[in-house]
Amino acid sequence: MALLDVILGYDCNLWCDYCTITAEMRRRALPTAKVLAELRRGRALGYDAVSFTGGEPTIRKDLLGLVRKARELGYEDRKVQSNGLVYAQPPNVERAVEAGVNRFHVSIHTHDREHYDRLVRAAGSWPLMAAGLDNLVARGVRLTVDVIMKSDTYEKVPDAIDWLAARGVCNVHLWFVSLTDGNRDNLASLPKMTDVVPFMHEAFERGRAHGMAVRSLHVPRCLLGRDVDRAWDPGAQRVMVVTPEATFELKDSKITPNTHVPACEGCQYREVCPGVRPDYLEVYGDGEIAAARGQRPATAPSRLPVVGGAR
């Protein structure tokens, strides 16, 4: 399917400690009329799936009306990406389904109760997130959960898979933290991928044991070893991103891997792997990728990495 990914605005009811959105960005949003125009244009261009995201799209009063319009225009797949807090109230789930949402993505960040509240910087949020997940699972909707891999969460990702499986979640995406915009200087949040991959292997193994689909979105295939089949590149399909500032293809997004290094040449995955993000290369260079290919590094870090990270 061809996806129109609409970032309605950057405001949110949480303020995660790794969020790329700045305070100034939170004031930016797409007017309703602009969103409607983009929905019509998207259908004219052949897009048949739409995603509403942010920020936090569920705090927009016009969200369900936009979903209804997307259904009316013929978008077959209608997704809302959320932190899930509003779904703690079952009627909100019903209203979303009735409006036409047929795919739900929920970012839980981390499953650990105390860590979650610290991470999202909003005390008492974990019970709402957990209840929202439970309500979505109970309703039987198509649900994917996003888990963040950053310096203080990646070691707990395998346990997060068990926690999600126990709640009935079947699909999980592992997101690697990005150093862009509001998180640009938070080097402590960015671990080395080779430190994270062993925990990813364990997460994939537990996912298989639970019958879950667990996928990685941002780690190059050459580093995934035996779990290379778990790599997934959303930008491989036709995806157009609409933001309050600009419209562009997903492959050109700042948080999408889009850079190949010299060691990528000749790799069997070269044509399907998007590479690595520039912000990661700035901190760690290409040494890990070069080592995986049996080559010498060609690029050195231009920003000093944080030894040990934030735990």
Protein backbone atom coordinates (compact mmCIF):
# COMPACT_ATOMS: atom_id res chain seq x y z
CA MET A 1 0.00 0.00 0.00
CA ALA A 2 1.04 3.61 -0.52
CA LEU A 3 1.01 5.49 2.79
CA LEU A 4 0.27 9.15 3.48
CA ASP A 5 1.86 9.85 6.88
CA VAL A 6 0.29 12.99 8.34
CA ILE A 7 1.99 14.68 11.30
CA LEU A 8 -0.94 16.73 12.57
CA GLY A 9 1.16 18.77 14.97
CA TYR A 10 3.88 18.45 17.58
CA ASP A 11 2.01 19.17 20.80
CA CYS A 12 1.75 16.29 23.28
CA ASN A 13 0.39 15.39 26.71
CA LEU A 14 3.80 13.91 27.65
CA TRP A 15 7.37 15.21 27.42
CA CYS A 16 9.64 12.20 26.97
CA ASP A 17 13.26 12.65 27.94
CA TYR A 18 14.49 11.60 24.48
CA CYS A 19 11.86 13.43 22.43
CA THR A 20 13.12 15.11 19.28
CA ILE A 21 10.37 17.76 19.49
CA THR A 22 11.43 21.12 20.90
CA ALA A 23 9.30 23.54 22.90
CA GLU A 24 9.09 25.82 19.87
CA MET A 25 7.97 22.94 17.62
CA ARG A 26 5.08 22.18 19.97
CA ARG A 27 3.42 25.36 18.80
CA ARG A 28 3.30 24.15 15.20
CA ALA A 29 0.31 22.28 13.80
CA LEU A 30 -1.51 21.64 10.54
CA PRO A 31 -4.86 23.45 10.28
CA THR A 32 -7.84 21.17 9.70
CA ALA A 33 -8.44 22.60 6.23
CA LYS A 34 -4.83 21.84 5.25
CA VAL A 35 -5.13 18.25 6.43
CA LEU A 36 -8.34 17.79 4.45
CA ALA A 37 -6.67 19.19 1.35
CA GLU A 38 -3.71 16.83 1.78
CA LEU A 39 -6.06 13.87 2.21
CA ARG A 40 -7.79 14.72 -1.05
CA ARG A 41 -4.48 15.25 -2.83
CA GLY A 42 -3.16 11.97 -1.47
CA ARG A 43 -6.04 10.01 -2.89
CA ALA A 44 -5.62 11.75 -6.24
CA LEU A 45 -1.98 10.61 -6.21
CA GLY A 46 -2.92 7.02 -5.46
CA TYR A 47 -2.26 6.78 -1.72
CA ASP A 48 -4.60 4.22 -0.17
CA ALA A 49 -3.35 4.19 3.45
CA VAL A 50 -3.11 7.05 5.92
CA SER A 51 -1.42 7.48 9.28
CA PHE A 52 -2.22 10.25 11.75
CA THR A 53 0.62 10.98 14.11
CA GLY A 54 2.34 13.81 15.98
CA GLY A 55 3.17 14.85 18.67
CA GLU A 56 0.13 13.20 20.15
CA PRO A 57 -2.75 13.14 17.64
CA THR A 58 -5.39 12.04 20.15
CA ILE A 59 -5.34 15.45 21.83
CA ARG A 60 -6.62 16.99 18.57
CA LYS A 61 -10.37 17.64 18.74
CA ASP A 62 -10.68 17.14 14.99
CA LEU A 63 -8.92 13.75 14.87
CA LEU A 64 -11.97 11.53 14.57
CA GLY A 65 -13.51 13.82 11.99
CA LEU A 66 -10.32 13.55 9.94
CA VAL A 67 -10.42 9.76 10.24
CA ARG A 68 -14.04 9.76 9.05
CA LYS A 69 -13.08 11.89 6.07
CA ALA A 70 -10.20 9.57 5.24
CA ARG A 71 -12.60 6.62 5.22
CA GLU A 72 -15.06 8.57 3.07
CA LEU A 73 -12.29 9.39 0.58
CA GLY A 74 -11.41 5.71 0.23
CA TYR A 75 -8.29 5.23 2.36
CA GLU A 76 -8.40 1.51 3.09
CA ASP A 77 -5.92 1.53 5.98
CA ARG A 78 -6.38 4.23 8.63
CA LYS A 79 -3.81 4.28 11.42
CA VAL A 80 -3.43 6.43 14.53
CA GLN A 81 -0.02 6.53 16.24
CA SER A 82 -0.44 7.37 19.92
CA ASN A 83 0.97 7.05 23.42
CA GLY A 84 -2.26 5.26 24.26
CA LEU A 85 -3.24 7.25 27.34
CA VAL A 86 -6.68 8.25 26.06
CA TYR A 87 -7.54 4.61 25.43
CA ALA A 88 -7.53 4.02 29.20
CA GLN A 89 -11.19 5.01 28.84
CA PRO A 90 -12.94 2.24 26.84
CA PRO A 91 -15.44 4.65 25.20
CA ASN A 92 -12.50 6.39 23.53
CA VAL A 93 -11.52 3.10 21.90
CA GLU A 94 -15.07 2.60 20.67
CA ARG A 95 -15.27 6.12 19.28
CA ALA A 96 -12.01 5.64 17.39
CA VAL A 97 -13.16 2.33 15.91
CA GLU A 98 -16.55 3.76 14.96
CA ALA A 99 -14.86 6.72 13.25
CA GLY A 100 -12.86 4.34 11.10
CA VAL A 101 -9.50 3.75 12.79
CA ASN A 102 -8.57 0.20 11.77
CA ARG A 103 -4.93 0.16 12.86
CA PHE A 104 -3.55 1.33 16.20
CA HIS A 105 0.11 1.94 17.01
CA VAL A 106 1.01 2.66 20.64
CA SER A 107 4.40 3.84 21.86
CA ILE A 108 5.00 2.44 25.34
CA HIS A 109 8.66 3.57 25.48
CA THR A 110 9.40 1.08 28.27
CA HIS A 111 7.27 -1.40 30.21
CA ASP A 112 8.78 -0.71 33.63
CA ARG A 113 6.33 1.31 35.75
CA GLU A 114 8.74 3.62 37.62
CA HIS A 115 11.05 4.04 34.64
CA TYR A 116 8.12 4.85 32.35
CA ASP A 117 6.90 7.72 34.51
CA ARG A 118 10.42 9.14 34.74
CA LEU A 119 10.96 8.79 31.01
CA VAL A 120 7.69 10.47 29.98
CA ARG A 121 8.10 13.02 32.80
CA ALA A 122 4.48 12.72 33.90
CA ALA A 123 3.82 10.97 37.20
CA GLY A 124 0.94 8.51 37.20
CA SER A 125 0.96 7.92 33.44
CA TRP A 126 1.96 4.24 33.46
CA PRO A 127 -1.44 2.92 34.64
CA LEU A 128 -3.14 4.86 31.84
CA MET A 129 -0.76 3.46 29.22
CA ALA A 130 -1.21 -0.10 30.52
CA ALA A 131 -5.00 0.23 30.69
CA GLY A 132 -5.04 1.66 27.18
CA LEU A 133 -3.14 -1.36 25.88
CA ASP A 134 -5.47 -3.74 27.69
CA ASN A 135 -8.54 -2.03 26.27
CA LEU A 136 -7.19 -2.16 22.72
CA VAL A 137 -6.30 -5.83 23.05
CA ALA A 138 -9.70 -6.62 24.52
CA ARG A 139 -11.40 -4.84 21.62
CA GLY A 140 -9.50 -7.05 19.16
CA VAL A 141 -8.14 -4.21 17.03
CA ARG A 142 -5.01 -4.43 14.87
CA LEU A 143 -2.34 -3.26 17.29
CA THR A 144 1.40 -2.68 17.06
CA VAL A 145 3.45 -1.56 20.06
CA ASP A 146 6.61 0.53 19.71
CA VAL A 147 9.45 0.10 22.23
CA ILE A 148 12.37 2.53 22.35
CA MET A 149 15.97 1.33 22.47
CA LYS A 150 18.08 3.90 24.26
CA SER A 151 20.90 3.76 26.76
CA ASP A 152 18.68 3.26 29.80
CA THR A 153 16.05 0.97 28.25
CA TYR A 154 17.70 -1.51 25.86
CA GLU A 155 18.72 -4.01 28.53
CA LYS A 156 15.06 -4.29 29.56
CA VAL A 157 13.70 -4.84 26.05
CA PRO A 158 13.58 -8.67 26.35
CA ASP A 159 11.53 -8.31 29.53
CA ALA A 160 9.28 -5.83 27.73
CA ILE A 161 8.52 -8.53 25.17
CA ASP A 162 7.42 -10.90 27.95
CA TRP A 163 5.33 -8.14 29.54
CA LEU A 164 3.61 -7.35 26.24
CA ALA A 165 3.02 -11.03 25.45
CA ALA A 166 1.33 -11.48 28.82
CA ARG A 167 -1.04 -8.63 27.90
CA GLY A 168 -1.93 -10.21 24.56
CA VAL A 169 0.14 -7.97 22.25
CA CYS A 170 1.27 -9.78 19.10
CA ASN A 171 3.22 -7.15 17.11
CA VAL A 172 6.17 -5.10 18.36
CA HIS A 173 8.52 -2.64 16.67
CA LEU A 174 11.92 -1.82 18.18
CA TRP A 175 12.89 1.81 17.60
CA PHE A 176 16.47 3.05 18.00
CA VAL A 177 16.77 6.47 19.64
CA SER A 178 17.58 9.44 17.40
CA LEU A 179 19.77 12.48 18.08
CA THR A 180 17.81 15.07 16.13
CA ASP A 181 16.21 18.43 16.95
CA GLY A 182 15.20 18.43 20.63
CA ASN A 183 17.35 15.38 21.41
CA ARG A 184 20.30 16.58 19.34
CA ASP A 185 22.70 17.09 22.25
CA ASN A 186 21.50 14.23 24.45
CA LEU A 187 24.43 11.98 23.56
CA ALA A 188 23.93 10.03 26.78
CA SER A 189 20.72 8.59 25.34
CA LEU A 190 22.48 6.97 22.37
CA PRO A 191 24.05 3.53 22.92
CA LYS A 192 26.32 1.68 20.53
CA MET A 193 24.35 -0.64 18.30
CA THR A 194 26.74 -3.51 18.97
CA ASP A 195 25.93 -3.17 22.68
CA VAL A 196 22.22 -3.30 21.96
CA VAL A 197 22.13 -6.15 19.43
CA PRO A 198 22.65 -8.99 21.98
CA PHE A 199 19.55 -7.79 23.84
CA MET A 200 17.71 -7.56 20.53
CA HIS A 201 18.60 -11.19 19.83
CA GLU A 202 17.09 -12.14 23.18
CA ALA A 203 14.00 -10.04 22.47
CA PHE A 204 13.52 -11.73 19.08
CA GLU A 205 13.97 -15.15 20.67
CA ARG A 206 11.37 -14.44 23.34
CA GLY A 207 9.06 -13.04 20.70
CA ARG A 208 9.31 -16.23 18.68
CA ALA A 209 8.60 -18.29 21.81
CA HIS A 210 5.45 -16.23 22.40
CA GLY A 211 4.36 -16.38 18.75
CA MET A 212 4.87 -12.63 18.35
CA ALA A 213 6.12 -10.62 15.38
CA VAL A 214 9.02 -8.48 16.66
CA ARG A 215 10.81 -6.27 14.15
CA SER A 216 13.73 -3.83 14.12
CA LEU A 217 13.36 -0.56 12.24
CA HIS A 218 16.73 1.20 12.44
CA VAL A 219 19.64 -1.20 12.92
CA PRO A 220 21.56 -2.11 9.72
CA ARG A 221 21.15 -5.70 8.57
CA CYS A 222 24.87 -6.41 8.74
CA LEU A 223 24.74 -6.00 12.53
CA LEU A 224 21.70 -8.20 13.11
CA GLY A 225 23.45 -11.47 12.28
CA ARG A 226 21.14 -14.45 12.76
CA ASP A 227 18.14 -12.15 13.10
CA VAL A 228 18.60 -10.29 9.83
CA ASP A 229 15.10 -11.36 8.83
CA ARG A 230 13.75 -9.18 11.66
CA ALA A 231 14.88 -5.98 9.89
CA TRP A 232 12.13 -3.86 8.42
CA ASP A 233 12.39 -0.65 6.44
CA PRO A 234 9.08 1.29 6.34
CA GLY A 235 10.60 3.59 3.73
CA ALA A 236 10.88 0.71 1.29
CA GLN A 237 7.23 1.19 0.46
CA ARG A 238 5.80 4.36 -1.00
CA VAL A 239 5.46 6.76 1.96
CA MET A 240 4.86 10.50 1.79
CA VAL A 241 5.19 12.49 5.02
CA VAL A 242 3.14 15.65 5.53
CA THR A 243 4.31 17.93 8.35
CA PRO A 244 3.46 21.48 9.44
CA GLU A 245 6.64 22.62 7.68
CA ALA A 246 7.06 20.46 4.60
CA THR A 247 6.09 17.39 2.60
CA PHE A 248 8.72 14.78 1.75
CA GLU A 249 9.31 11.08 1.22
CA LEU A 250 9.97 9.02 4.34
CA LYS A 251 13.41 7.99 3.12
CA ASP A 252 14.45 11.65 3.40
CA SER A 253 13.33 12.01 7.03
CA LYS A 254 15.95 12.94 9.62
CA ILE A 255 14.98 9.97 11.80
CA THR A 256 15.15 7.44 8.97
CA PRO A 257 18.39 5.58 8.17
CA ASN A 258 19.49 6.97 4.82
CA THR A 259 23.29 6.87 4.70
CA HIS A 260 25.57 4.16 3.37
CA VAL A 261 29.24 3.99 4.32
CA PRO A 262 32.10 2.58 2.21
CA ALA A 263 31.80 -0.83 3.90
CA CYS A 264 28.24 -1.09 2.55
CA GLU A 265 29.52 -1.50 -1.00
CA GLY A 266 29.41 -5.10 -2.06
CA CYS A 267 27.19 -6.12 0.87
CA GLN A 268 24.52 -8.64 -0.05
CA TYR A 269 21.94 -6.39 1.61
CA ARG A 270 23.03 -3.18 -0.13
CA GLU A 271 19.94 -2.87 -2.32
CA VAL A 272 17.42 -3.40 0.48
CA CYS A 273 19.17 -1.90 3.51
CA PRO A 274 18.76 1.89 3.91
CA GLY A 275 22.01 2.13 5.90
CA VAL A 276 22.38 4.12 9.09
CA ARG A 277 21.35 7.57 10.30
CA PRO A 278 23.85 10.44 10.01
CA ASP A 279 23.36 11.39 13.67
CA TYR A 280 24.59 7.93 14.69
CA LEU A 281 27.64 8.13 12.43
CA GLU A 282 28.54 11.50 13.96
CA VAL A 283 28.84 9.89 17.36
CA TYR A 284 30.24 6.43 16.63
CA GLY A 285 31.55 6.53 13.06
CA ASP A 286 31.32 3.48 10.81
CA GLY A 287 33.60 1.20 12.82
CA GLU A 288 30.88 -1.28 13.77
CA ILE A 289 29.66 -1.65 10.20
CA ALA A 290 33.20 -1.93 8.85
CA ALA A 291 34.05 -4.62 11.41
CA ALA A 292 30.94 -6.58 10.46
CA ARG A 293 32.15 -6.52 6.86
CA GLY A 294 35.76 -7.36 7.75
CA GLN A 295 37.01 -3.93 6.72
CA ARG A 296 38.76 -0.97 8.28
CA PRO A 297 36.72 2.08 9.37
CA ALA A 298 36.52 4.89 6.87
CA THR A 299 34.86 7.53 9.04
CA ALA A 300 35.63 8.63 12.58
CA PRO A 301 33.23 10.17 15.10
CA SER A 302 32.84 13.94 14.76
CA ARG A 303 31.07 14.23 18.11
CA LEU A 304 32.51 12.64 21.22
CA PRO A 305 30.47 9.64 22.33
CA VAL A 306 29.38 9.33 25.94
CA VAL A 307 31.22 6.46 27.57
CA GLY A 308 28.85 4.14 29.40
CA GLY A 309 25.67 6.01 28.44
CA ALA A 310 22.85 6.83 30.86
CA ARG A 311 21.60 3.95 32.99
